[in-house]
Amino acid sequence: LEVDPVHVTIVRNMVEYAGLSDNVDVWTGYCFDVIPHLLDTYGPRSIGMVFMDQKGTRFHTDLALMEDLGLLADGAVILA
């Protein structure tokens, strides 16, 4: 998830260059808008890795939302 479309473009190109396009998705938008759609798109317990670089306490709110929605797979890696 990334708000800045320029950063999204850069990251998507890096993912493609690394050959990970089949395993990694990069979404554009704000966490509180996008996270609920991840459940609809991928289903429960489908997220195995999350990189979070939010400012301040948003990290806790966003992580709690993913946990409450049951998005995180068993053993999911959270990089913050």
C-alpha atoms as a PDB file:
ATOM      1  CA  LEU A   1       0.000   0.000   0.000  1.00  0.00           C
ATOM      2  CA  GLU A   2       1.306   3.399  -0.939  1.00  0.00           C
ATOM      3  CA  VAL A   3      -0.402   6.767  -1.205  1.00  0.00           C
ATOM      4  CA  ASP A   4       2.042   8.409  -3.607  1.00  0.00           C
ATOM      5  CA  PRO A   5       1.468   7.197  -7.185  1.00  0.00           C
ATOM      6  CA  VAL A   6       5.093   7.962  -8.123  1.00  0.00           C
ATOM      7  CA  HIS A   7       6.311   5.646  -5.358  1.00  0.00           C
ATOM      8  CA  VAL A   8       3.819   2.997  -6.472  1.00  0.00           C
ATOM      9  CA  THR A   9       5.215   3.120  -9.996  1.00  0.00           C
ATOM     10  CA  ILE A  10       8.787   2.813  -8.736  1.00  0.00           C
ATOM     11  CA  VAL A  11       7.967  -0.110  -6.452  1.00  0.00           C
ATOM     12  CA  ARG A  12       5.970  -1.940  -9.109  1.00  0.00           C
ATOM     13  CA  ASN A  13       8.925  -1.651 -11.481  1.00  0.00           C
ATOM     14  CA  MET A  14      11.299  -2.930  -8.791  1.00  0.00           C
ATOM     15  CA  VAL A  15       8.994  -5.887  -8.098  1.00  0.00           C
ATOM     16  CA  GLU A  16       8.841  -6.665 -11.811  1.00  0.00           C
ATOM     17  CA  TYR A  17      12.631  -6.393 -12.161  1.00  0.00           C
ATOM     18  CA  ALA A  18      13.061  -8.776  -9.217  1.00  0.00           C
ATOM     19  CA  GLY A  19      10.763 -11.288 -10.906  1.00  0.00           C
ATOM     20  CA  LEU A  20       8.218 -11.185  -8.090  1.00  0.00           C
ATOM     21  CA  SER A  21       5.166  -9.873  -9.940  1.00  0.00           C
ATOM     22  CA  ASP A  22       3.344 -13.187  -9.490  1.00  0.00           C
ATOM     23  CA  ASN A  23       3.775 -12.999  -5.695  1.00  0.00           C
ATOM     24  CA  VAL A  24       3.743  -9.297  -4.798  1.00  0.00           C
ATOM     25  CA  ASP A  25       0.988  -6.734  -5.273  1.00  0.00           C
ATOM     26  CA  VAL A  26       1.333  -3.005  -4.643  1.00  0.00           C
ATOM     27  CA  TRP A  27      -1.870  -1.101  -4.002  1.00  0.00           C
ATOM     28  CA  THR A  28      -2.422   2.662  -4.248  1.00  0.00           C
ATOM     29  CA  GLY A  29      -4.423   4.460  -1.572  1.00  0.00           C
ATOM     30  CA  TYR A  30      -4.878   5.045   2.119  1.00  0.00           C
ATOM     31  CA  CYS A  31      -4.786   2.058   4.456  1.00  0.00           C
ATOM     32  CA  PHE A  32      -8.218   2.651   5.958  1.00  0.00           C
ATOM     33  CA  ASP A  33      -9.727   2.617   2.449  1.00  0.00           C
ATOM     34  CA  VAL A  34      -7.722  -0.234   0.916  1.00  0.00           C
ATOM     35  CA  ILE A  35      -7.222  -2.791   3.716  1.00  0.00           C
ATOM     36  CA  PRO A  36     -10.900  -3.897   3.792  1.00  0.00           C
ATOM     37  CA  HIS A  37     -10.739  -4.560   0.029  1.00  0.00           C
ATOM     38  CA  LEU A  38      -7.781  -6.895   0.534  1.00  0.00           C
ATOM     39  CA  LEU A  39     -10.065  -9.339   2.329  1.00  0.00           C
ATOM     40  CA  ASP A  40     -12.504  -9.299  -0.608  1.00  0.00           C
ATOM     41  CA  THR A  41      -9.703  -9.741  -3.128  1.00  0.00           C
ATOM     42  CA  TYR A  42      -7.445 -12.302  -1.436  1.00  0.00           C
ATOM     43  CA  GLY A  43      -9.546 -13.859   1.312  1.00  0.00           C
ATOM     44  CA  PRO A  44      -8.768 -14.562   4.971  1.00  0.00           C
ATOM     45  CA  ARG A  45      -5.265 -15.443   6.166  1.00  0.00           C
ATOM     46  CA  SER A  46      -3.824 -14.523   2.769  1.00  0.00           C
ATOM     47  CA  ILE A  47      -1.178 -11.940   3.655  1.00  0.00           C
ATOM     48  CA  GLY A  48       2.183 -13.459   4.487  1.00  0.00           C
ATOM     49  CA  MET A  49       4.298 -10.293   4.603  1.00  0.00           C
ATOM     50  CA  VAL A  50       3.611  -6.633   5.291  1.00  0.00           C
ATOM     51  CA  PHE A  51       6.048  -3.715   5.078  1.00  0.00           C
ATOM     52  CA  MET A  52       4.820  -0.754   7.122  1.00  0.00           C
ATOM     53  CA  ASP A  53       6.547   2.606   7.177  1.00  0.00           C
ATOM     54  CA  GLN A  54       3.722   4.804   8.438  1.00  0.00           C
ATOM     55  CA  LYS A  55       4.429   7.866  10.514  1.00  0.00           C
ATOM     56  CA  GLY A  56       3.457   7.931  14.159  1.00  0.00           C
ATOM     57  CA  THR A  57       0.866   5.608  15.619  1.00  0.00           C
ATOM     58  CA  ARG A  58      -0.942   4.716  12.354  1.00  0.00           C
ATOM     59  CA  PHE A  59       1.097   1.515  12.368  1.00  0.00           C
ATOM     60  CA  HIS A  60      -0.829   0.163  15.356  1.00  0.00           C
ATOM     61  CA  THR A  61      -4.213   1.096  13.906  1.00  0.00           C
ATOM     62  CA  ASP A  62      -3.475  -0.424  10.505  1.00  0.00           C
ATOM     63  CA  LEU A  63      -2.004  -3.618  11.968  1.00  0.00           C
ATOM     64  CA  ALA A  64      -5.010  -3.997  14.280  1.00  0.00           C
ATOM     65  CA  LEU A  65      -7.360  -3.617  11.304  1.00  0.00           C
ATOM     66  CA  MET A  66      -5.545  -6.377   9.404  1.00  0.00           C
ATOM     67  CA  GLU A  67      -5.692  -8.599  12.483  1.00  0.00           C
ATOM     68  CA  ASP A  68      -9.391  -7.838  13.104  1.00  0.00           C
ATOM     69  CA  LEU A  69     -10.232  -8.687   9.494  1.00  0.00           C
ATOM     70  CA  GLY A  70      -8.257 -11.944   9.719  1.00  0.00           C
ATOM     71  CA  LEU A  71      -6.001 -11.019   6.797  1.00  0.00           C
ATOM     72  CA  LEU A  72      -2.681 -12.143   8.248  1.00  0.00           C
ATOM     73  CA  ALA A  73      -1.536 -15.679   7.546  1.00  0.00           C
ATOM     74  CA  ASP A  74      -0.121 -17.795  10.352  1.00  0.00           C
ATOM     75  CA  GLY A  75       3.516 -16.784  10.743  1.00  0.00           C
ATOM     76  CA  ALA A  76       3.074 -13.573   8.722  1.00  0.00           C
ATOM     77  CA  VAL A  77       6.130 -11.333   8.715  1.00  0.00           C
ATOM     78  CA  ILE A  78       5.536  -7.716   9.721  1.00  0.00           C
ATOM     79  CA  LEU A  79       8.329  -5.302   8.833  1.00  0.00           C
ATOM     80  CA  ALA A  80       7.904  -1.949  10.516  1.00  0.00           C
END
